[in-house]
N, C-alpha and C. Protein backbone atom coordinates (compact mmCIF):
# COMPACT_ATOMS: atom_id res chain seq x y z
N MET A 1 5.44 -26.37 6.65
CA MET A 1 6.26 -25.40 6.50
C MET A 1 5.22 -24.63 7.56
N GLU A 2 6.03 -23.66 8.53
CA GLU A 2 5.39 -22.80 9.86
C GLU A 2 4.46 -21.81 8.90
N SER A 3 3.40 -21.40 8.95
CA SER A 3 3.07 -20.02 8.35
C SER A 3 2.55 -18.87 9.25
N ARG A 4 2.85 -19.21 10.40
CA ARG A 4 2.35 -18.32 11.84
C ARG A 4 3.83 -17.97 11.93
N ALA A 5 2.79 -16.30 12.56
CA ALA A 5 4.03 -15.06 12.53
C ALA A 5 3.79 -15.32 14.35
N ALA A 6 5.21 -14.78 14.92
CA ALA A 6 5.76 -14.51 16.71
C ALA A 6 4.10 -13.37 16.76
N PRO A 7 4.68 -14.66 18.13
CA PRO A 7 3.10 -13.35 19.21
C PRO A 7 3.64 -12.00 19.03
N GLN A 8 2.58 -11.50 19.14
CA GLN A 8 2.68 -10.14 19.17
C GLN A 8 2.42 -8.75 20.54
N VAL A 9 2.32 -8.31 20.28
CA VAL A 9 2.19 -7.03 21.46
C VAL A 9 1.22 -6.54 21.25
N LEU A 10 0.35 -5.96 22.30
CA LEU A 10 -0.88 -5.86 22.09
C LEU A 10 -0.57 -4.26 21.42
N LEU A 11 -0.97 -4.14 20.51
CA LEU A 11 -0.63 -2.82 20.11
C LEU A 11 -2.02 -1.59 20.87
N LEU A 12 -1.30 0.28 20.94
CA LEU A 12 -2.71 1.16 21.01
C LEU A 12 -3.79 0.81 20.23
N PRO A 13 -4.80 1.99 20.22
CA PRO A 13 -5.48 2.21 18.98
C PRO A 13 -4.83 3.41 18.47
N VAL A 14 -4.73 2.92 16.82
CA VAL A 14 -3.78 4.20 15.91
C VAL A 14 -4.62 5.39 16.09
N LYS A 15 -4.36 6.76 16.21
CA LYS A 15 -4.55 7.86 15.68
C LYS A 15 -5.29 8.59 14.49
N PRO A 16 -6.34 8.95 14.07
CA PRO A 16 -6.71 9.05 12.37
C PRO A 16 -5.88 9.83 12.29
N ALA A 17 -5.10 10.63 12.92
CA ALA A 17 -3.91 11.52 12.49
C ALA A 17 -3.24 11.21 11.65
N PHE A 18 -2.70 10.19 12.10
CA PHE A 18 -1.08 9.63 12.22
C PHE A 18 -1.16 8.77 10.89
N ILE A 19 -2.79 8.07 10.34
CA ILE A 19 -3.23 7.23 9.25
C ILE A 19 -3.26 8.44 8.23
N VAL A 20 -3.89 9.77 8.36
CA VAL A 20 -3.99 10.88 7.36
C VAL A 20 -2.32 11.10 7.50
N VAL A 21 -1.82 11.13 8.06
CA VAL A 21 -0.30 12.04 7.31
C VAL A 21 0.66 10.99 7.01
N THR A 22 0.38 9.24 6.72
CA THR A 22 1.24 8.28 6.52
C THR A 22 0.54 8.36 4.86
N LEU A 23 -0.66 8.87 4.92
CA LEU A 23 -1.44 8.68 3.06
C LEU A 23 -0.84 9.94 2.77
N LEU A 24 -1.09 10.76 3.26
CA LEU A 24 -0.28 11.96 2.56
C LEU A 24 0.97 12.35 2.21
N ALA A 25 1.89 11.94 3.24
CA ALA A 25 3.22 11.34 2.67
C ALA A 25 3.31 9.96 1.48
N ALA A 26 2.76 9.62 1.86
CA ALA A 26 2.57 8.64 0.35
C ALA A 26 2.39 9.33 -0.91
N LEU A 27 1.34 9.99 -0.79
CA LEU A 27 0.95 10.93 -1.84
C LEU A 27 2.08 11.92 -2.63
N ALA A 28 2.52 12.57 -1.42
CA ALA A 28 3.95 13.27 -1.83
C ALA A 28 5.21 12.88 -2.21
N LEU A 29 5.01 11.45 -2.08
CA LEU A 29 6.08 10.73 -2.62
C LEU A 29 6.45 10.53 -4.39
N ASN A 30 4.85 10.14 -4.12
CA ASN A 30 4.30 9.64 -5.92
C ASN A 30 4.17 10.66 -6.47
N PHE A 31 4.08 12.02 -5.78
CA PHE A 31 4.47 13.48 -6.89
C PHE A 31 5.55 13.99 -6.53
N LEU A 32 6.69 13.07 -6.14
CA LEU A 32 8.02 13.80 -6.61
C LEU A 32 8.83 13.68 -7.99
N PRO A 33 9.37 14.33 -8.10
CA PRO A 33 9.74 14.05 -9.92
C PRO A 33 11.24 13.30 -9.75
N TRP A 34 10.59 12.22 -10.43
CA TRP A 34 11.42 10.73 -9.96
C TRP A 34 12.34 10.99 -11.52
N SER A 35 13.63 10.40 -11.60
CA SER A 35 13.99 10.56 -13.17
C SER A 35 15.20 9.23 -13.19
N GLY A 36 15.83 8.92 -14.31
CA GLY A 36 16.68 8.04 -14.39
C GLY A 36 16.08 6.83 -14.33
N VAL A 37 16.83 5.73 -13.65
CA VAL A 37 16.79 4.52 -13.42
C VAL A 37 15.62 4.68 -11.82
N TRP A 38 15.55 5.47 -10.97
CA TRP A 38 14.30 6.04 -9.51
C TRP A 38 13.26 5.49 -10.23
N VAL A 39 12.96 6.00 -12.22
CA VAL A 39 11.63 6.15 -12.04
C VAL A 39 10.92 4.46 -12.73
N LEU A 40 12.10 3.99 -13.03
CA LEU A 40 11.40 2.32 -12.97
C LEU A 40 11.48 1.69 -12.09
N VAL A 41 12.07 1.71 -11.45
CA VAL A 41 12.17 0.48 -10.02
C VAL A 41 11.52 1.79 -8.71
N LYS A 42 10.20 2.48 -8.83
CA LYS A 42 9.32 3.41 -8.10
C LYS A 42 8.74 2.43 -7.50
N PRO A 43 8.27 2.11 -6.31
CA PRO A 43 6.45 1.79 -5.99
C PRO A 43 5.79 2.50 -5.56
N ASP A 44 4.67 1.90 -5.92
CA ASP A 44 3.36 2.62 -5.65
C ASP A 44 3.34 3.06 -4.15
N PHE A 45 3.82 4.50 -3.99
CA PHE A 45 3.60 4.48 -1.99
C PHE A 45 2.55 4.99 -1.68
N VAL A 46 0.65 5.27 -2.40
CA VAL A 46 0.14 5.23 -2.29
C VAL A 46 -0.59 4.15 -2.09
N ALA A 47 -0.02 2.80 -3.15
CA ALA A 47 -0.93 1.97 -3.09
C ALA A 47 -0.68 0.74 -1.72
N LEU A 48 0.64 1.16 -1.73
CA LEU A 48 1.77 1.10 -0.44
C LEU A 48 1.11 0.75 0.56
N ALA A 49 0.84 2.01 0.87
CA ALA A 49 0.48 2.91 2.51
C ALA A 49 -1.02 2.06 2.37
N LEU A 50 -2.02 3.15 1.80
CA LEU A 50 -3.06 2.14 2.13
C LEU A 50 -3.62 0.73 1.49
N LEU A 51 -2.76 0.02 1.06
CA LEU A 51 -2.94 -1.96 1.33
C LEU A 51 -2.27 -1.83 3.22
N TYR A 52 -1.08 -1.00 3.33
CA TYR A 52 -0.85 -1.36 4.89
C TYR A 52 -2.53 -0.77 5.80
N TRP A 53 -2.93 0.42 5.55
CA TRP A 53 -3.88 0.81 6.63
C TRP A 53 -5.32 0.03 5.87
N CYS A 54 -5.75 -0.67 4.71
CA CYS A 54 -6.71 -1.38 4.88
C CYS A 54 -6.11 -2.88 5.39
N ILE A 55 -5.54 -3.12 5.49
CA ILE A 55 -5.16 -4.58 6.17
C ILE A 55 -5.28 -4.44 7.81
N ASN A 56 -3.97 -3.51 8.38
CA ASN A 56 -4.67 -3.48 9.68
C ASN A 56 -5.82 -2.41 10.17
N GLN A 57 -6.19 -1.45 9.94
CA GLN A 57 -7.37 -0.75 10.19
C GLN A 57 -8.54 -0.55 9.16
N PRO A 58 -8.96 -2.12 9.03
CA PRO A 58 -9.87 -1.93 7.81
C PRO A 58 -11.33 -1.08 7.80
N ARG A 59 -11.40 -1.11 9.50
CA ARG A 59 -13.06 -0.24 9.99
C ARG A 59 -12.69 1.46 9.29
N ARG A 60 -10.83 1.54 9.20
CA ARG A 60 -11.29 2.95 9.40
C ARG A 60 -10.37 3.91 7.78
N VAL A 61 -9.88 2.59 7.45
CA VAL A 61 -9.78 2.97 5.91
C VAL A 61 -10.45 2.11 4.88
N GLY A 62 -10.86 2.88 4.07
CA GLY A 62 -11.54 1.91 3.18
C GLY A 62 -11.51 2.59 1.38
N PHE A 63 -13.43 1.94 1.02
CA PHE A 63 -13.60 2.05 0.01
C PHE A 63 -13.10 3.90 -0.76
N LEU A 64 -13.83 4.46 -0.31
CA LEU A 64 -14.20 5.68 -0.39
C LEU A 64 -12.64 7.04 -0.11
N ILE A 65 -12.00 6.32 0.68
CA ILE A 65 -10.20 6.96 0.63
C ILE A 65 -9.34 6.05 -0.35
N ALA A 66 -9.41 5.18 -0.60
CA ALA A 66 -8.97 4.27 -1.98
C ALA A 66 -8.91 5.55 -2.93
N PHE A 67 -10.79 5.61 -2.91
CA PHE A 67 -11.07 6.16 -4.49
C PHE A 67 -10.75 7.89 -4.61
N LEU A 68 -10.87 8.21 -3.53
CA LEU A 68 -10.50 9.95 -3.70
C LEU A 68 -9.08 9.48 -3.45
N LEU A 69 -8.20 8.65 -2.92
CA LEU A 69 -6.82 8.89 -3.37
C LEU A 69 -6.18 8.45 -4.96
N GLY A 70 -6.60 7.92 -5.39
CA GLY A 70 -7.00 7.29 -6.77
C GLY A 70 -7.16 8.58 -7.50
N LEU A 71 -8.24 9.21 -7.36
CA LEU A 71 -8.56 10.15 -8.12
C LEU A 71 -7.29 11.68 -7.96
N ALA A 72 -6.93 11.87 -6.64
CA ALA A 72 -5.10 12.45 -6.55
C ALA A 72 -4.21 12.10 -7.74
N MET A 73 -4.11 10.66 -7.26
CA MET A 73 -3.09 10.57 -8.47
C MET A 73 -3.41 10.51 -10.22
N ASP A 74 -4.68 10.25 -10.58
CA ASP A 74 -5.14 10.30 -11.83
C ASP A 74 -4.69 12.19 -12.50
N VAL A 75 -5.50 12.76 -11.39
CA VAL A 75 -4.73 13.99 -11.70
C VAL A 75 -3.85 14.99 -11.58
N ALA A 76 -2.68 14.26 -10.72
CA ALA A 76 -1.68 14.21 -10.70
C ALA A 76 -0.52 14.06 -11.33
N ASP A 77 -1.10 13.22 -12.50
CA ASP A 77 -0.84 11.98 -13.69
C ASP A 77 -0.68 12.48 -14.40
N GLY A 78 -2.12 13.22 -14.65
CA GLY A 78 -2.65 13.85 -16.18
C GLY A 78 -2.89 12.35 -16.78
N ALA A 79 -3.40 11.43 -16.14
CA ALA A 79 -4.20 10.49 -16.97
C ALA A 79 -5.56 9.97 -16.77
N LEU A 80 -5.70 8.98 -17.57
CA LEU A 80 -7.13 8.71 -17.64
C LEU A 80 -7.20 9.16 -16.63
N MET A 81 -8.53 9.49 -15.77
CA MET A 81 -10.01 10.09 -15.46
C MET A 81 -9.57 8.14 -14.51
N GLY A 82 -9.79 7.81 -13.65
CA GLY A 82 -10.62 6.94 -13.05
C GLY A 82 -9.26 5.76 -12.47
N GLN A 83 -8.64 5.23 -13.48
CA GLN A 83 -8.17 4.22 -13.64
C GLN A 83 -6.78 4.02 -12.56
N HIS A 84 -6.20 4.93 -11.97
CA HIS A 84 -5.95 4.50 -10.02
C HIS A 84 -7.61 5.02 -9.59
N ALA A 85 -8.00 5.23 -9.56
CA ALA A 85 -9.77 5.32 -8.25
C ALA A 85 -9.61 3.92 -8.82
N LEU A 86 -10.20 2.99 -9.73
CA LEU A 86 -10.06 2.12 -10.00
C LEU A 86 -9.35 1.03 -9.58
N ALA A 87 -7.68 1.28 -9.77
CA ALA A 87 -6.91 -0.05 -9.23
C ALA A 87 -7.69 0.56 -7.30
N TYR A 88 -7.05 1.64 -6.82
CA TYR A 88 -6.78 1.53 -5.46
C TYR A 88 -8.06 1.15 -4.83
N THR A 89 -9.43 1.57 -5.65
CA THR A 89 -10.56 0.64 -4.77
C THR A 89 -11.02 -1.02 -4.71
N LEU A 90 -10.03 -1.65 -6.10
CA LEU A 90 -10.07 -3.22 -5.64
C LEU A 90 -8.79 -3.15 -5.24
N LEU A 91 -7.89 -2.71 -4.80
CA LEU A 91 -6.62 -2.40 -3.86
C LEU A 91 -7.55 -2.92 -2.77
N ALA A 92 -8.03 -1.85 -2.26
CA ALA A 92 -9.04 -1.90 -1.21
C ALA A 92 -9.49 -2.93 -0.55
N TYR A 93 -10.16 -3.26 -1.88
CA TYR A 93 -11.18 -4.44 -1.60
C TYR A 93 -10.56 -5.60 -1.08
N ALA A 94 -9.38 -6.16 -1.81
CA ALA A 94 -8.42 -7.06 -1.67
C ALA A 94 -8.03 -7.02 0.04
N GLY A 95 -7.46 -6.06 0.17
CA GLY A 95 -6.86 -5.60 1.36
C GLY A 95 -7.84 -6.29 2.66
N ILE A 96 -9.02 -5.68 2.50
CA ILE A 96 -9.93 -5.27 3.62
C ILE A 96 -10.55 -6.94 3.39
N ALA A 97 -10.96 -7.73 2.45
CA ALA A 97 -11.31 -9.24 2.23
C ALA A 97 -10.29 -10.01 2.86
N LEU A 98 -8.92 -9.62 2.84
CA LEU A 98 -8.23 -11.14 3.00
C LEU A 98 -6.88 -10.26 4.53
N HIS A 99 -7.50 -9.22 4.99
CA HIS A 99 -6.83 -8.70 5.93
C HIS A 99 -6.86 -9.37 7.16
N ARG A 100 -7.53 -10.41 7.64
CA ARG A 100 -7.41 -11.17 8.51
C ARG A 100 -6.44 -12.35 8.62
N ARG A 101 -6.31 -12.68 7.32
CA ARG A 101 -5.19 -13.66 6.58
C ARG A 101 -3.83 -13.51 6.49
N ILE A 102 -3.88 -12.38 6.10
CA ILE A 102 -2.50 -11.89 6.34
C ILE A 102 -1.76 -11.53 6.80
N GLN A 103 -3.15 -11.09 8.33
CA GLN A 103 -1.85 -10.05 9.66
C GLN A 103 -1.83 -12.14 10.21
N ARG A 104 -1.89 -12.88 10.23
CA ARG A 104 -1.84 -14.20 10.41
C ARG A 104 -0.77 -15.04 9.69
N PHE A 105 -0.07 -14.53 8.75
CA PHE A 105 1.51 -14.81 8.06
C PHE A 105 2.40 -13.93 9.21
N ALA A 106 2.76 -15.05 8.83
CA ALA A 106 5.28 -14.49 9.01
C ALA A 106 4.86 -13.60 7.96
N MET A 107 6.26 -12.81 8.04
CA MET A 107 6.40 -11.57 7.22
C MET A 107 6.54 -11.54 5.80
N LYS A 108 7.37 -13.09 5.95
CA LYS A 108 7.58 -13.85 4.50
C LYS A 108 6.46 -13.82 3.74
N PHE A 109 5.55 -14.45 4.52
CA PHE A 109 4.46 -14.90 3.51
C PHE A 109 3.48 -13.36 3.57
N GLN A 110 3.83 -12.30 4.31
CA GLN A 110 2.93 -10.92 4.03
C GLN A 110 3.85 -10.27 3.17
N VAL A 111 4.56 -10.51 2.46
CA VAL A 111 5.37 -9.96 1.55
C VAL A 111 4.95 -10.90 -0.30
N LEU A 112 4.51 -12.37 0.28
CA LEU A 112 4.16 -12.86 -1.48
C LEU A 112 2.85 -12.20 -1.42
N HIS A 113 2.12 -12.11 -0.45
CA HIS A 113 0.58 -11.64 -0.57
C HIS A 113 0.56 -9.89 -1.12
N VAL A 114 1.38 -9.30 -0.22
CA VAL A 114 1.24 -7.86 -0.60
C VAL A 114 1.76 -7.83 -2.43
N LEU A 115 3.02 -8.61 -2.83
CA LEU A 115 3.38 -8.45 -4.13
C LEU A 115 2.45 -9.13 -5.14
N VAL A 116 1.98 -10.16 -4.73
CA VAL A 116 0.41 -10.07 -5.61
C VAL A 116 -0.86 -9.06 -5.98
N LEU A 117 -0.72 -8.43 -4.59
CA LEU A 117 -1.83 -7.42 -4.83
C LEU A 117 -1.74 -6.21 -5.28
N LEU A 118 -0.01 -5.68 -5.23
CA LEU A 118 0.73 -4.47 -6.24
C LEU A 118 0.49 -5.05 -7.00
N PHE A 119 1.08 -6.32 -7.69
CA PHE A 119 0.95 -6.73 -8.98
C PHE A 119 -0.38 -6.61 -10.38
N ALA A 120 -1.09 -7.07 -9.38
CA ALA A 120 -2.67 -6.82 -9.36
C ALA A 120 -3.46 -5.35 -10.17
N CYS A 121 -2.23 -4.52 -8.47
CA CYS A 121 -2.98 -3.46 -8.90
C CYS A 121 -2.26 -2.92 -9.81
N ASP A 122 -0.57 -3.06 -10.17
CA ASP A 122 -0.37 -1.99 -11.30
C ASP A 122 -1.18 -3.35 -12.67
N LEU A 123 -1.46 -4.01 -12.50
CA LEU A 123 -1.86 -4.66 -14.24
C LEU A 123 -3.47 -3.87 -13.88
N VAL A 124 -4.28 -3.74 -13.24
CA VAL A 124 -4.93 -2.81 -13.47
C VAL A 124 -5.28 -1.21 -14.21
N VAL A 125 -4.26 -1.25 -13.77
CA VAL A 125 -3.80 0.78 -14.20
C VAL A 125 -3.68 0.32 -15.34
N LEU A 126 -2.71 -0.82 -15.87
CA LEU A 126 -2.30 -0.74 -17.34
C LEU A 126 -2.95 -1.31 -18.07
N LEU A 127 -4.48 -2.28 -17.60
CA LEU A 127 -5.06 -2.63 -18.68
C LEU A 127 -6.16 -1.53 -18.98
N SER A 128 -6.17 -0.31 -17.66
CA SER A 128 -7.64 0.81 -18.17
C SER A 128 -6.60 1.54 -18.98
N ARG A 129 -5.29 1.76 -18.86
CA ARG A 129 -4.80 2.58 -20.07
C ARG A 129 -4.67 2.11 -21.57
N GLY A 130 -4.57 0.90 -21.61
CA GLY A 130 -4.20 -0.24 -22.80
C GLY A 130 -5.71 -0.13 -23.23
N LEU A 131 -6.65 -0.24 -22.58
CA LEU A 131 -8.29 -0.28 -23.06
C LEU A 131 -8.02 1.92 -24.02
N ALA A 132 -7.68 2.67 -23.29
CA ALA A 132 -7.82 3.80 -23.81
C ALA A 132 -7.38 4.04 -24.70
N GLY A 133 -6.57 2.97 -25.46
CA GLY A 133 -5.31 3.10 -26.25
C GLY A 133 -3.85 3.16 -26.01
N ALA A 134 -4.03 3.55 -24.76
CA ALA A 134 -2.29 3.75 -24.41
C ALA A 134 -1.36 2.21 -24.94
N ASP A 135 0.43 2.96 -25.72
CA ASP A 135 1.20 1.64 -25.80
C ASP A 135 1.45 0.77 -24.15
N PHE A 136 1.67 -0.29 -24.59
CA PHE A 136 2.24 -1.11 -23.63
C PHE A 136 3.35 -0.33 -23.48
N PRO A 137 4.20 -0.36 -21.71
CA PRO A 137 4.92 0.52 -21.46
C PRO A 137 6.22 -0.19 -21.63
N GLY A 138 6.11 -1.71 -21.71
CA GLY A 138 7.02 -2.77 -21.49
C GLY A 138 7.08 -3.71 -19.73
N ALA A 139 8.06 -4.08 -19.96
CA ALA A 139 7.98 -5.18 -18.99
C ALA A 139 7.75 -4.89 -17.62
N LEU A 140 9.12 -3.59 -17.58
CA LEU A 140 9.28 -2.72 -16.53
C LEU A 140 8.60 -2.30 -15.76
N TYR A 141 7.54 -1.74 -16.02
CA TYR A 141 6.64 -1.30 -15.75
C TYR A 141 6.29 -1.58 -14.62
N PHE A 142 6.15 -3.02 -14.72
CA PHE A 142 5.73 -4.31 -13.42
C PHE A 142 7.36 -4.37 -12.35
N ALA A 143 8.04 -3.28 -12.61
CA ALA A 143 8.99 -3.43 -11.61
C ALA A 143 8.62 -2.65 -9.78
N GLY A 144 7.84 -1.81 -9.65
CA GLY A 144 7.62 -1.04 -8.89
C GLY A 144 7.03 -2.14 -7.92
N ALA A 145 6.04 -3.45 -8.19
CA ALA A 145 5.55 -4.52 -7.51
C ALA A 145 6.51 -5.06 -6.73
N PRO A 146 7.56 -5.49 -6.88
CA PRO A 146 9.00 -6.57 -6.07
C PRO A 146 9.04 -5.34 -5.26
N VAL A 147 9.32 -3.90 -5.56
CA VAL A 147 10.15 -3.19 -4.93
C VAL A 147 9.22 -3.02 -3.36
N GLY A 148 7.99 -2.79 -3.55
CA GLY A 148 6.77 -2.29 -3.03
C GLY A 148 6.88 -3.07 -2.27
N ALA A 149 6.28 -4.86 -2.07
CA ALA A 149 6.63 -6.03 -1.54
C ALA A 149 8.02 -5.46 -0.70
N ALA A 150 8.98 -5.47 -1.24
CA ALA A 150 10.33 -5.71 -0.50
C ALA A 150 10.62 -4.37 0.71
N LEU A 151 9.81 -3.83 0.22
CA LEU A 151 9.02 -2.41 1.38
C LEU A 151 7.95 -2.59 2.48
N TRP A 152 7.96 -3.70 2.32
CA TRP A 152 6.73 -4.26 3.27
C TRP A 152 6.75 -4.23 4.89
N PRO A 153 8.21 -5.04 4.77
CA PRO A 153 8.61 -5.03 6.28
C PRO A 153 8.51 -3.83 7.10
N ALA A 154 9.55 -2.42 6.19
CA ALA A 154 9.95 -1.44 7.09
C ALA A 154 8.11 -0.60 6.97
N VAL A 155 7.83 -0.64 6.29
CA VAL A 155 6.65 0.14 6.49
C VAL A 155 5.43 -0.48 7.30
N SER A 156 5.46 -1.90 8.03
CA SER A 156 5.10 -2.27 8.66
C SER A 156 5.47 -1.69 10.38
N HIS A 157 6.63 -1.96 9.96
CA HIS A 157 7.06 -2.05 11.73
C HIS A 157 7.37 -0.26 12.15
N TYR A 158 7.62 0.76 11.03
CA TYR A 158 7.29 2.38 11.04
C TYR A 158 6.38 2.59 11.39
N PHE A 159 4.97 2.32 10.70
CA PHE A 159 3.74 2.36 10.71
C PHE A 159 3.16 1.82 12.29
N LYS A 160 3.88 0.71 12.79
CA LYS A 160 3.25 0.23 13.74
C LYS A 160 4.17 1.02 15.59
N LEU A 161 5.43 2.17 14.76
CA LEU A 161 5.63 2.35 15.93
C LEU A 161 5.16 3.45 17.12
N PRO A 162 4.30 4.04 15.78
CA PRO A 162 3.35 5.22 17.60
C PRO A 162 2.25 4.25 17.67
N GLN A 163 2.35 3.24 17.83
CA GLN A 163 1.19 2.33 18.10
C GLN A 163 1.42 1.19 19.91
N ARG A 164 3.14 1.05 19.34
CA ARG A 164 3.10 0.30 20.51
C ARG A 164 3.54 1.06 21.95
N PRO A 165 3.44 0.41 23.20
CA PRO A 165 3.08 0.52 24.01
C PRO A 165 4.00 1.68 24.38
N ARG A 166 4.44 2.50 25.59
CA ARG A 166 6.00 2.94 25.70
C ARG A 166 5.94 1.92 27.13
N SER A 167 7.47 1.98 27.29
CA SER A 167 7.58 0.87 28.46
C SER A 167 7.81 2.46 29.92
N ASP A 168 7.19 2.26 30.91
CA ASP A 168 6.67 3.09 31.78
C ASP A 168 8.51 2.79 32.83
N PRO A 169 9.12 4.10 33.07
CA PRO A 169 10.16 4.08 33.73
C PRO A 169 9.93 3.26 35.18
N ASP A 170 9.09 4.16 35.90
CA ASP A 170 9.08 4.20 37.71
C ASP A 170 7.77 2.59 37.69
N GLN A 171 7.49 1.65 36.41
CA GLN A 171 7.28 0.15 36.23
C GLN A 171 8.03 -0.94 36.84
N ILE A 172 8.33 -1.74 37.73
CA ILE A 172 9.44 -2.97 38.13
C ILE A 172 9.08 -3.70 37.10
């Protein structure tokens, strides 16, 4: 079983403003008033974007950003203060610790790693809620992790678009 990714193009440096925009867009997607079946299958967009940047730019996105995004999610959800902050900080740690390993895998194996990491993030939030006395929301609580993992190839593709070198029409 071959797990090596295809040869990659040398990417341009990512602009910090682009990282900020993607994280704020993910935060905005999490803040949208989802209803119906979408509530059950909605991935944690902040966790997905945070994990992407921790894997691909571990020197620029790390624990402080993860903690601050987690606090923003806690305030927005009106949830127990610190549950998302803890989960996102642990997710950032895992993403940074595994970033070289995950980058070397082909996309289908990256998706499996991302699935496990998003599931673990949801589990940390669930455990912290449970310790605070909340009821178990049901097995569908974990439906967002597979959806987020399924979105990983698209996130990877679109987040790398601004970094791809432009072809020069004058060059032969």
